[in-house]
C-alpha atoms as a PDB file:
ATOM      1  CA  MET A   1       2.906 -29.577   2.158  1.00  0.00           C
ATOM      2  CA  SER A   2       4.789 -30.256  -1.100  1.00  0.00           C
ATOM      3  CA  ASP A   3       6.197 -27.370  -3.071  1.00  0.00           C
ATOM      4  CA  GLU A   4       4.596 -28.810  -6.155  1.00  0.00           C
ATOM      5  CA  PRO A   5       1.564 -27.034  -7.577  1.00  0.00           C
ATOM      6  CA  LEU A   6      -1.737 -28.558  -6.648  1.00  0.00           C
ATOM      7  CA  ARG A   7      -4.019 -29.501  -9.456  1.00  0.00           C
ATOM      8  CA  PHE A   8      -7.539 -30.523  -9.373  1.00  0.00           C
ATOM      9  CA  THR A   9     -10.846 -30.662 -11.313  1.00  0.00           C
ATOM     10  CA  VAL A  10     -13.817 -28.999  -9.710  1.00  0.00           C
ATOM     11  CA  THR A  11     -16.788 -31.340  -9.290  1.00  0.00           C
ATOM     12  CA  ALA A  12     -20.449 -30.416  -9.573  1.00  0.00           C
ATOM     13  CA  ALA A  13     -20.608 -30.403  -5.688  1.00  0.00           C
ATOM     14  CA  ASP A  14     -17.615 -28.104  -5.483  1.00  0.00           C
ATOM     15  CA  ALA A  15     -18.699 -25.599  -8.078  1.00  0.00           C
ATOM     16  CA  ASP A  16     -18.835 -22.220  -6.349  1.00  0.00           C
ATOM     17  CA  ARG A  17     -16.918 -18.830  -6.046  1.00  0.00           C
ATOM     18  CA  LEU A  18     -13.177 -19.415  -6.494  1.00  0.00           C
ATOM     19  CA  ASP A  19     -12.234 -18.181  -3.081  1.00  0.00           C
ATOM     20  CA  ARG A  20     -14.544 -20.623  -1.563  1.00  0.00           C
ATOM     21  CA  VAL A  21     -13.277 -23.316  -3.757  1.00  0.00           C
ATOM     22  CA  ILE A  22      -9.643 -22.764  -2.623  1.00  0.00           C
ATOM     23  CA  ALA A  23     -10.695 -22.266   1.094  1.00  0.00           C
ATOM     24  CA  ARG A  24     -12.316 -25.772   1.104  1.00  0.00           C
ATOM     25  CA  ARG A  25      -8.878 -27.112  -0.105  1.00  0.00           C
ATOM     26  CA  PHE A  26      -6.928 -25.245   2.645  1.00  0.00           C
ATOM     27  CA  PRO A  27      -9.292 -25.168   5.769  1.00  0.00           C
ATOM     28  CA  ALA A  28      -6.576 -23.961   7.932  1.00  0.00           C
ATOM     29  CA  ALA A  29      -5.992 -20.746   5.913  1.00  0.00           C
ATOM     30  CA  SER A  30      -7.719 -17.474   6.702  1.00  0.00           C
ATOM     31  CA  ARG A  31      -9.981 -15.952   4.208  1.00  0.00           C
ATOM     32  CA  ARG A  32      -7.641 -12.966   3.998  1.00  0.00           C
ATOM     33  CA  ARG A  33      -4.695 -15.351   2.979  1.00  0.00           C
ATOM     34  CA  VAL A  34      -6.784 -17.046   0.402  1.00  0.00           C
ATOM     35  CA  MET A  35      -7.825 -13.654  -1.186  1.00  0.00           C
ATOM     36  CA  ALA A  36      -4.307 -12.520  -1.121  1.00  0.00           C
ATOM     37  CA  LEU A  37      -3.154 -15.810  -2.924  1.00  0.00           C
ATOM     38  CA  ILE A  38      -5.655 -15.159  -5.733  1.00  0.00           C
ATOM     39  CA  ASP A  39      -4.817 -11.395  -6.021  1.00  0.00           C
ATOM     40  CA  ASP A  40      -1.155 -12.405  -6.338  1.00  0.00           C
ATOM     41  CA  GLY A  41      -1.827 -14.702  -9.223  1.00  0.00           C
ATOM     42  CA  GLY A  42      -1.303 -17.938  -7.204  1.00  0.00           C
ATOM     43  CA  VAL A  43      -4.466 -19.648  -8.629  1.00  0.00           C
ATOM     44  CA  LYS A  44      -4.954 -20.502 -12.369  1.00  0.00           C
ATOM     45  CA  ILE A  45      -8.270 -21.719 -13.835  1.00  0.00           C
ATOM     46  CA  GLY A  46      -7.517 -23.694 -16.995  1.00  0.00           C
ATOM     47  CA  GLY A  47      -4.121 -21.892 -17.438  1.00  0.00           C
ATOM     48  CA  ARG A  48      -5.312 -18.252 -16.981  1.00  0.00           C
ATOM     49  CA  ARG A  49      -5.209 -16.207 -13.886  1.00  0.00           C
ATOM     50  CA  GLY A  50      -8.119 -16.657 -11.534  1.00  0.00           C
ATOM     51  CA  LYS A  51     -10.102 -13.717 -10.235  1.00  0.00           C
ATOM     52  CA  LYS A  52     -11.362 -13.381  -6.727  1.00  0.00           C
ATOM     53  CA  GLY A  53     -15.306 -13.437  -6.639  1.00  0.00           C
ATOM     54  CA  GLU A  54     -15.593 -15.210 -10.021  1.00  0.00           C
ATOM     55  CA  ARG A  55     -17.747 -18.408 -10.083  1.00  0.00           C
ATOM     56  CA  VAL A  56     -16.054 -21.671 -11.094  1.00  0.00           C
ATOM     57  CA  ALA A  57     -18.008 -24.212 -12.959  1.00  0.00           C
ATOM     58  CA  ALA A  58     -17.949 -27.954 -12.695  1.00  0.00           C
ATOM     59  CA  GLY A  59     -15.190 -29.383 -14.846  1.00  0.00           C
ATOM     60  CA  ALA A  60     -12.891 -26.408 -14.467  1.00  0.00           C
ATOM     61  CA  GLU A  61      -9.133 -27.259 -14.036  1.00  0.00           C
ATOM     62  CA  ILE A  62      -7.616 -25.417 -11.138  1.00  0.00           C
ATOM     63  CA  THR A  63      -4.002 -25.085 -10.374  1.00  0.00           C
ATOM     64  CA  VAL A  64      -2.781 -23.773  -6.972  1.00  0.00           C
ATOM     65  CA  LEU A  65       0.775 -22.504  -7.447  1.00  0.00           C
ATOM     66  CA  ARG A  66       1.450 -22.479  -3.753  1.00  0.00           C
ATOM     67  CA  PRO A  67      -0.569 -22.982  -0.553  1.00  0.00           C
ATOM     68  CA  PRO A  68      -2.077 -19.665   1.060  1.00  0.00           C
ATOM     69  CA  ALA A  69       0.428 -18.262   3.643  1.00  0.00           C
ATOM     70  CA  ASP A  70       0.224 -19.112   7.254  1.00  0.00           C
ATOM     71  CA  ASP A  71      -0.720 -16.019   9.343  1.00  0.00           C
ATOM     72  CA  ALA A  72       1.785 -16.943  12.134  1.00  0.00           C
ATOM     73  CA  ALA A  73       4.622 -17.415   9.682  1.00  0.00           C
ATOM     74  CA  LEU A  74       3.968 -14.014   8.179  1.00  0.00           C
ATOM     75  CA  ALA A  75       4.254 -12.276  11.556  1.00  0.00           C
ATOM     76  CA  ALA A  76       6.636  -9.162  11.372  1.00  0.00           C
ATOM     77  CA  THR A  77      10.021 -10.295  12.556  1.00  0.00           C
ATOM     78  CA  PRO A  78      12.133  -7.744  14.750  1.00  0.00           C
ATOM     79  CA  ASP A  79      14.666  -6.306  12.491  1.00  0.00           C
ATOM     80  CA  PRO A  80      17.186  -3.957  13.885  1.00  0.00           C
ATOM     81  CA  GLU A  81      18.588  -3.045  10.401  1.00  0.00           C
ATOM     82  CA  ALA A  82      15.209  -1.962   9.309  1.00  0.00           C
ATOM     83  CA  GLU A  83      14.813  -0.056  12.572  1.00  0.00           C
ATOM     84  CA  ALA A  84      17.924   1.877  11.820  1.00  0.00           C
ATOM     85  CA  ARG A  85      16.493   2.999   8.344  1.00  0.00           C
ATOM     86  CA  LEU A  86      13.386   4.421   9.751  1.00  0.00           C
ATOM     87  CA  ALA A  87      12.836   8.025  10.884  1.00  0.00           C
ATOM     88  CA  TRP A  88      11.211   8.061  14.373  1.00  0.00           C
ATOM     89  CA  LEU A  89       8.930  10.959  14.247  1.00  0.00           C
ATOM     90  CA  HIS A  90       6.645  10.628  17.277  1.00  0.00           C
ATOM     91  CA  VAL A  91       6.152   8.231  20.147  1.00  0.00           C
ATOM     92  CA  ASP A  92       3.569   8.256  22.889  1.00  0.00           C
ATOM     93  CA  ALA A  93       1.884   5.634  25.046  1.00  0.00           C
ATOM     94  CA  ALA A  94      -0.597   4.665  22.407  1.00  0.00           C
ATOM     95  CA  ARG A  95       1.208   5.299  19.118  1.00  0.00           C
ATOM     96  CA  VAL A  96       4.465   5.143  17.064  1.00  0.00           C
ATOM     97  CA  VAL A  97       4.904   7.260  13.987  1.00  0.00           C
ATOM     98  CA  VAL A  98       7.789   6.756  11.592  1.00  0.00           C
ATOM     99  CA  GLY A  99       8.974   7.920   8.273  1.00  0.00           C
ATOM    100  CA  LYS A 100       9.406   5.065   5.856  1.00  0.00           C
ATOM    101  CA  PRO A 101      12.017   5.282   3.030  1.00  0.00           C
ATOM    102  CA  ALA A 102      11.250   4.568  -0.532  1.00  0.00           C
ATOM    103  CA  GLY A 103      12.009   0.935  -1.518  1.00  0.00           C
ATOM    104  CA  MET A 104      10.960  -0.441   1.974  1.00  0.00           C
ATOM    105  CA  PRO A 105       7.814  -2.698   2.288  1.00  0.00           C
ATOM    106  CA  SER A 106       5.325  -1.580   4.931  1.00  0.00           C
ATOM    107  CA  GLN A 107       4.793  -5.169   5.980  1.00  0.00           C
ATOM    108  CA  PRO A 108       6.341  -8.640   5.155  1.00  0.00           C
ATOM    109  CA  LEU A 109       4.772 -10.534   2.023  1.00  0.00           C
ATOM    110  CA  ALA A 110       6.657 -13.684   2.788  1.00  0.00           C
ATOM    111  CA  ALA A 111       7.658 -15.699   5.865  1.00  0.00           C
ATOM    112  CA  GLY A 112      10.677 -14.366   7.432  1.00  0.00           C
ATOM    113  CA  GLU A 113      11.020 -11.361   5.099  1.00  0.00           C
ATOM    114  CA  ARG A 114      13.407  -8.734   6.343  1.00  0.00           C
ATOM    115  CA  GLY A 115      13.680  -5.059   5.696  1.00  0.00           C
ATOM    116  CA  THR A 116      10.114  -4.082   6.453  1.00  0.00           C
ATOM    117  CA  ALA A 117       8.787  -1.114   8.265  1.00  0.00           C
ATOM    118  CA  ALA A 118       6.690  -3.415  10.523  1.00  0.00           C
ATOM    119  CA  GLY A 119       9.870  -5.392  11.440  1.00  0.00           C
ATOM    120  CA  GLY A 120      11.755  -2.181  12.233  1.00  0.00           C
ATOM    121  CA  ILE A 121       8.896  -0.955  14.336  1.00  0.00           C
ATOM    122  CA  VAL A 122       8.493  -4.249  16.520  1.00  0.00           C
ATOM    123  CA  ALA A 123      12.377  -4.245  16.842  1.00  0.00           C
ATOM    124  CA  ARG A 124      12.174  -1.170  19.020  1.00  0.00           C
ATOM    125  CA  TYR A 125       8.512  -1.637  20.380  1.00  0.00           C
ATOM    126  CA  PRO A 126       7.773  -5.343  20.678  1.00  0.00           C
ATOM    127  CA  GLU A 127       4.271  -4.628  21.908  1.00  0.00           C
ATOM    128  CA  CYS A 128       3.299  -3.416  18.557  1.00  0.00           C
ATOM    129  CA  ALA A 129       3.442  -7.014  17.301  1.00  0.00           C
ATOM    130  CA  THR A 130       0.193  -7.944  18.852  1.00  0.00           C
ATOM    131  CA  ALA A 131      -1.585  -4.559  18.681  1.00  0.00           C
ATOM    132  CA  SER A 132      -2.998  -5.331  15.163  1.00  0.00           C
ATOM    133  CA  THR A 133      -5.409  -8.132  14.001  1.00  0.00           C
ATOM    134  CA  ASP A 134      -3.084  -8.976  11.151  1.00  0.00           C
ATOM    135  CA  ALA A 135       0.202 -10.329  12.475  1.00  0.00           C
ATOM    136  CA  ARG A 136       2.179  -8.911   9.414  1.00  0.00           C
ATOM    137  CA  ASP A 137       1.304  -5.346  10.371  1.00  0.00           C
ATOM    138  CA  GLY A 138       3.412  -4.936  13.497  1.00  0.00           C
ATOM    139  CA  GLY A 139       0.859  -2.586  14.745  1.00  0.00           C
ATOM    140  CA  LEU A 140       0.382  -0.454  11.609  1.00  0.00           C
ATOM    141  CA  VAL A 141      -2.924   1.060  11.110  1.00  0.00           C
ATOM    142  CA  HIS A 142      -2.314   1.929   7.411  1.00  0.00           C
ATOM    143  CA  ARG A 143       0.136   1.074   4.638  1.00  0.00           C
ATOM    144  CA  LEU A 144       2.430   2.769   1.951  1.00  0.00           C
ATOM    145  CA  ASP A 145       3.433   1.192  -1.334  1.00  0.00           C
ATOM    146  CA  ILE A 146       6.950   0.060  -1.409  1.00  0.00           C
ATOM    147  CA  GLY A 147       7.917   2.932  -3.691  1.00  0.00           C
ATOM    148  CA  THR A 148       6.221   5.701  -1.549  1.00  0.00           C
ATOM    149  CA  SER A 149       8.184   7.253   1.404  1.00  0.00           C
ATOM    150  CA  GLY A 150       6.635   9.130   4.322  1.00  0.00           C
ATOM    151  CA  VAL A 151       4.485   8.914   7.431  1.00  0.00           C
ATOM    152  CA  LEU A 152       3.433   5.523   8.724  1.00  0.00           C
ATOM    153  CA  ILE A 153       1.509   5.171  12.039  1.00  0.00           C
ATOM    154  CA  ALA A 154       1.545   1.999  14.306  1.00  0.00           C
ATOM    155  CA  ALA A 155      -0.498   1.220  17.404  1.00  0.00           C
ATOM    156  CA  ARG A 156       1.062   0.111  20.624  1.00  0.00           C
ATOM    157  CA  THR A 157      -2.108  -1.545  22.054  1.00  0.00           C
ATOM    158  CA  ARG A 158      -5.156  -3.212  20.665  1.00  0.00           C
ATOM    159  CA  ALA A 159      -7.422  -0.559  21.898  1.00  0.00           C
ATOM    160  CA  SER A 160      -5.185   2.209  20.196  1.00  0.00           C
ATOM    161  CA  TRP A 161      -5.281   0.117  17.013  1.00  0.00           C
ATOM    162  CA  ASP A 162      -9.064  -0.105  17.037  1.00  0.00           C
ATOM    163  CA  ALA A 163      -9.446   3.653  17.700  1.00  0.00           C
ATOM    164  CA  LEU A 164      -6.989   4.617  14.879  1.00  0.00           C
ATOM    165  CA  ARG A 165      -8.600   2.207  12.422  1.00  0.00           C
ATOM    166  CA  ALA A 166     -11.976   3.734  13.303  1.00  0.00           C
ATOM    167  CA  ALA A 167     -10.550   7.232  12.645  1.00  0.00           C
ATOM    168  CA  PHE A 168      -9.090   6.313   9.238  1.00  0.00           C
ATOM    169  CA  GLY A 169     -12.373   4.478   8.382  1.00  0.00           C
ATOM    170  CA  SER A 170     -14.554   7.339   9.262  1.00  0.00           C
ATOM    171  CA  GLY A 171     -12.647  10.006   7.253  1.00  0.00           C
ATOM    172  CA  THR A 172     -11.459  12.079  10.249  1.00  0.00           C
ATOM    173  CA  VAL A 173      -7.795  11.531   9.271  1.00  0.00           C
ATOM    174  CA  ALA A 174      -6.340  14.107   6.813  1.00  0.00           C
ATOM    175  CA  LYS A 175      -3.263  12.959   4.656  1.00  0.00           C
ATOM    176  CA  THR A 176      -1.176  15.072   2.393  1.00  0.00           C
ATOM    177  CA  TYR A 177       1.281  13.642  -0.343  1.00  0.00           C
ATOM    178  CA  LEU A 178       3.954  15.336  -2.373  1.00  0.00           C
ATOM    179  CA  ALA A 179       4.178  14.059  -5.954  1.00  0.00           C
ATOM    180  CA  LEU A 180       6.514  15.114  -8.721  1.00  0.00           C
ATOM    181  CA  CYS A 181       4.517  14.703 -11.962  1.00  0.00           C
ATOM    182  CA  GLU A 182       5.467  14.707 -15.580  1.00  0.00           C
ATOM    183  CA  THR A 183       2.955  17.414 -16.428  1.00  0.00           C
ATOM    184  CA  PRO A 184       0.455  19.442 -14.263  1.00  0.00           C
ATOM    185  CA  PRO A 185      -2.866  17.744 -13.830  1.00  0.00           C
ATOM    186  CA  VAL A 186      -5.680  18.701 -16.191  1.00  0.00           C
ATOM    187  CA  SER A 187      -8.122  19.281 -13.061  1.00  0.00           C
ATOM    188  CA  ARG A 188      -7.903  20.145  -9.392  1.00  0.00           C
ATOM    189  CA  GLU A 189      -9.428  17.008  -8.031  1.00  0.00           C
ATOM    190  CA  CYS A 190     -10.471  13.571  -9.025  1.00  0.00           C
ATOM    191  CA  ASP A 191     -13.347  11.445  -7.558  1.00  0.00           C
ATOM    192  CA  ALA A 192     -13.223   8.483  -9.894  1.00  0.00           C
ATOM    193  CA  PRO A 193     -13.989   5.240  -8.283  1.00  0.00           C
ATOM    194  CA  LEU A 194     -11.157   2.739  -8.315  1.00  0.00           C
ATOM    195  CA  THR A 195     -10.717  -0.990  -8.442  1.00  0.00           C
ATOM    196  CA  GLN A 196      -7.668  -3.386  -8.769  1.00  0.00           C
ATOM    197  CA  ARG A 197      -6.896  -5.022 -11.933  1.00  0.00           C
ATOM    198  CA  GLY A 198      -3.952  -7.296 -11.531  1.00  0.00           C
ATOM    199  CA  PRO A 199      -0.922  -5.128 -10.446  1.00  0.00           C
ATOM    200  CA  ARG A 200      -2.718  -1.883 -11.350  1.00  0.00           C
ATOM    201  CA  VAL A 201      -5.585   0.130  -9.958  1.00  0.00           C
ATOM    202  CA  VAL A 202      -7.993   1.494 -12.634  1.00  0.00           C
ATOM    203  CA  VAL A 203     -10.914   3.729 -12.853  1.00  0.00           C
ATOM    204  CA  ASP A 204     -14.075   1.744 -12.923  1.00  0.00           C
ATOM    205  CA  HIS A 205     -17.262   3.601 -12.652  1.00  0.00           C
ATOM    206  CA  ALA A 206     -19.462   0.310 -12.473  1.00  0.00           C
ATOM    207  CA  GLU A 207     -17.606  -1.626  -9.800  1.00  0.00           C
ATOM    208  CA  GLY A 208     -14.969   0.653  -8.401  1.00  0.00           C
ATOM    209  CA  LEU A 209     -14.890   1.903  -4.620  1.00  0.00           C
ATOM    210  CA  PRO A 210     -15.474   5.572  -4.005  1.00  0.00           C
ATOM    211  CA  ALA A 211     -12.174   7.551  -3.835  1.00  0.00           C
ATOM    212  CA  HIS A 212     -11.431  11.321  -3.770  1.00  0.00           C
ATOM    213  CA  THR A 213      -8.049  13.166  -4.116  1.00  0.00           C
ATOM    214  CA  ARG A 214      -7.535  16.999  -4.588  1.00  0.00           C
ATOM    215  CA  TRP A 215      -4.309  18.801  -5.312  1.00  0.00           C
ATOM    216  CA  ASP A 216      -2.538  22.044  -5.805  1.00  0.00           C
ATOM    217  CA  VAL A 217       0.511  22.696  -8.123  1.00  0.00           C
ATOM    218  CA  ILE A 218       3.024  24.308  -5.774  1.00  0.00           C
ATOM    219  CA  ALA A 219       5.963  24.646  -8.273  1.00  0.00           C
ATOM    220  CA  ARG A 220       6.974  24.016 -11.879  1.00  0.00           C
ATOM    221  CA  ALA A 221      10.237  22.862 -13.522  1.00  0.00           C
ATOM    222  CA  GLY A 222       9.697  23.013 -17.360  1.00  0.00           C
ATOM    223  CA  GLU A 223       6.835  20.424 -18.075  1.00  0.00           C
ATOM    224  CA  ARG A 224       7.107  18.855 -14.668  1.00  0.00           C
ATOM    225  CA  ALA A 225       5.030  20.007 -11.810  1.00  0.00           C
ATOM    226  CA  LEU A 226       5.412  19.541  -7.958  1.00  0.00           C
ATOM    227  CA  VAL A 227       1.909  18.726  -6.561  1.00  0.00           C
ATOM    228  CA  ARG A 228       0.603  18.531  -3.138  1.00  0.00           C
ATOM    229  CA  CYS A 229      -2.260  15.958  -2.887  1.00  0.00           C
ATOM    230  CA  HIS A 230      -4.953  15.830  -0.169  1.00  0.00           C
ATOM    231  CA  ALA A 231      -6.382  12.307  -0.078  1.00  0.00           C
ATOM    232  CA  SER A 232      -9.717  11.884   1.858  1.00  0.00           C
ATOM    233  CA  THR A 233     -10.076   8.253   1.111  1.00  0.00           C
ATOM    234  CA  GLY A 234      -7.336   5.522   1.216  1.00  0.00           C
ATOM    235  CA  ARG A 235      -7.662   3.243  -1.636  1.00  0.00           C
ATOM    236  CA  MET A 236      -4.768   1.182  -2.928  1.00  0.00           C
ATOM    237  CA  HIS A 237      -2.525   3.287  -5.433  1.00  0.00           C
ATOM    238  CA  GLN A 238      -5.159   6.085  -5.089  1.00  0.00           C
ATOM    239  CA  VAL A 239      -2.866   9.156  -5.631  1.00  0.00           C
ATOM    240  CA  ARG A 240      -0.986   7.406  -8.415  1.00  0.00           C
ATOM    241  CA  ALA A 241      -3.926   6.189 -10.277  1.00  0.00           C
ATOM    242  CA  HIS A 242      -6.008   9.560  -9.899  1.00  0.00           C
ATOM    243  CA  LEU A 243      -3.059  11.651 -11.028  1.00  0.00           C
ATOM    244  CA  ALA A 244      -2.419   9.459 -14.051  1.00  0.00           C
ATOM    245  CA  ALA A 245      -6.140   9.513 -14.936  1.00  0.00           C
ATOM    246  CA  CYS A 246      -5.749  13.315 -14.989  1.00  0.00           C
ATOM    247  CA  GLY A 247      -3.020  13.464 -17.313  1.00  0.00           C
ATOM    248  CA  ALA A 248      -0.256  13.816 -14.626  1.00  0.00           C
ATOM    249  CA  PRO A 249       1.607  10.492 -14.033  1.00  0.00           C
ATOM    250  CA  ILE A 250       4.205  10.610 -11.466  1.00  0.00           C
ATOM    251  CA  VAL A 251       7.854  10.951 -12.381  1.00  0.00           C
ATOM    252  CA  GLY A 252       9.460   7.415 -12.149  1.00  0.00           C
ATOM    253  CA  ASP A 253       6.094   5.543 -11.879  1.00  0.00           C
ATOM    254  CA  VAL A 254       6.434   3.559 -15.176  1.00  0.00           C
ATOM    255  CA  ARG A 255       3.432   1.358 -14.070  1.00  0.00           C
ATOM    256  CA  TYR A 256       1.036   4.354 -14.371  1.00  0.00           C
ATOM    257  CA  GLY A 257       2.707   6.094 -17.444  1.00  0.00           C
ATOM    258  CA  GLY A 258       5.531   7.982 -15.867  1.00  0.00           C
ATOM    259  CA  GLY A 259       9.003   8.062 -17.259  1.00  0.00           C
ATOM    260  CA  PRO A 260      12.008   6.505 -15.529  1.00  0.00           C
ATOM    261  CA  MET A 261      14.370   8.595 -13.564  1.00  0.00           C
ATOM    262  CA  PRO A 262      17.524   6.785 -12.460  1.00  0.00           C
ATOM    263  CA  ALA A 263      18.257   9.196  -9.590  1.00  0.00           C
ATOM    264  CA  LEU A 264      15.109   8.152  -7.868  1.00  0.00           C
ATOM    265  CA  ILE A 265      14.467   5.248  -5.534  1.00  0.00           C
ATOM    266  CA  GLU A 266      11.227   3.996  -7.130  1.00  0.00           C
ATOM    267  CA  PHE A 267       8.977   6.886  -7.888  1.00  0.00           C
ATOM    268  CA  PHE A 268       8.459  10.475  -6.492  1.00  0.00           C
ATOM    269  CA  LEU A 269       5.583  10.186  -4.118  1.00  0.00           C
ATOM    270  CA  HIS A 270       5.992  11.162  -0.539  1.00  0.00           C
ATOM    271  CA  ALA A 271       3.431  10.857   2.231  1.00  0.00           C
ATOM    272  CA  GLU A 272       4.023  14.106   3.698  1.00  0.00           C
ATOM    273  CA  SER A 273       1.797  14.456   6.601  1.00  0.00           C
ATOM    274  CA  VAL A 274      -0.992  12.829   8.576  1.00  0.00           C
ATOM    275  CA  ARG A 275      -3.360  14.719  10.703  1.00  0.00           C
ATOM    276  CA  LEU A 276      -5.287  12.909  13.451  1.00  0.00           C
ATOM    277  CA  PRO A 277      -7.984  14.569  15.660  1.00  0.00           C
ATOM    278  CA  ASP A 278      -5.187  15.197  18.257  1.00  0.00           C
ATOM    279  CA  LEU A 279      -1.940  15.016  16.527  1.00  0.00           C
ATOM    280  CA  THR A 280      -0.265  16.111  13.148  1.00  0.00           C
ATOM    281  CA  VAL A 281       2.935  14.493  12.166  1.00  0.00           C
ATOM    282  CA  THR A 282       5.126  15.626   9.005  1.00  0.00           C
ATOM    283  CA  ALA A 283       7.806  13.554   7.599  1.00  0.00           C
ATOM    284  CA  PRO A 284      10.803  15.444   5.933  1.00  0.00           C
ATOM    285  CA  LEU A 285      11.685  14.659   2.330  1.00  0.00           C
ATOM    286  CA  PRO A 286      14.167  11.788   2.051  1.00  0.00           C
ATOM    287  CA  ASP A 287      17.549  12.663   0.586  1.00  0.00           C
ATOM    288  CA  ASP A 288      16.942  11.178  -2.948  1.00  0.00           C
ATOM    289  CA  ARG A 289      13.734  13.205  -3.418  1.00  0.00           C
ATOM    290  CA  ARG A 290      15.544  16.372  -2.131  1.00  0.00           C
ATOM    291  CA  ALA A 291      18.300  15.805  -4.626  1.00  0.00           C
ATOM    292  CA  VAL A 292      15.865  15.397  -7.468  1.00  0.00           C
ATOM    293  CA  LEU A 293      14.147  18.761  -6.567  1.00  0.00           C
ATOM    294  CA  ALA A 294      17.452  20.500  -6.316  1.00  0.00           C
ATOM    295  CA  ALA A 295      18.550  19.164  -9.635  1.00  0.00           C
ATOM    296  CA  LEU A 296      15.480  20.705 -11.126  1.00  0.00           C
ATOM    297  CA  GLY A 297      16.077  23.976  -9.379  1.00  0.00           C
ATOM    298  CA  LEU A 298      13.128  23.253  -6.937  1.00  0.00           C
ATOM    299  CA  ALA A 299      15.273  23.089  -3.664  1.00  0.00           C
ATOM    300  CA  ASP A 300      13.266  25.594  -1.919  1.00  0.00           C
ATOM    301  CA  ALA A 301       9.894  24.854  -3.503  1.00  0.00           C
ATOM    302  CA  VAL A 302       8.350  22.713  -0.664  1.00  0.00           C
ATOM    303  CA  PRO A 303       6.521  24.949   1.826  1.00  0.00           C
ATOM    304  CA  SER A 304       5.389  23.629   5.308  1.00  0.00           C
ATOM    305  CA  ALA A 305       2.569  21.409   5.166  1.00  0.00           C
ATOM    306  CA  PRO A 306      -0.808  22.967   6.201  1.00  0.00           C
END
């Protein structure tokens, strides 16, 4: 297909929800890819950014900036350089657990993208490439933001992937995070429902999905606070959005109100541990995070994860 944007006018017969309108134009694309295209701002309605789920009336002018990505083209590519950057924390017959550095995407967002955790995993364990339902994931059963370091789990078989996904979905997996916040939170927990609005996640009591995070302040350095967070749900940007909503944006997280810190790679959020029904894995703090804590006089402030 041409790289030129596709422009068309919605007819009375085509008037429908935006994702369905686009799906009919690209019948080979999966619904997941169509929704991702809309989420990424790849579809305009009369010049403005389209929203998934909105209805499009007859006469609307649609611009598709690029076609939906092809599932096969987005498959994680074995990447030995990414493999070398991962910390290998645990391997058994069913699972691989790695520590992802900050600045590394969990999965590819474009065809042939290098430098992802998924690419590093399939470089060492090729069977992970076919374990997940999404070819991008390289067996990953959950994801971390590019700026978040820490524990990532991948499955080596489809049966293991199904079982791990069920565990995450049922709330039987416990996750802890370490966050360095600009100020201490004004509460000990947040259960505000969350929804995505463009590149941000916001509190939305009408349409948001249930989310719950609790935390403890484990050290202070002036106004800043080192906080251990316990997430019982796994919404996009959950810890970042909940802390910001409670007056404690994460250091370096300018998207959510945190101040910049050049010494950091991205922002200071570390997925410290994941506890499965039969396994608990903890990821050590990466060097850039440790250096920041040392500069603040908090080098010995991180106790062992519970």
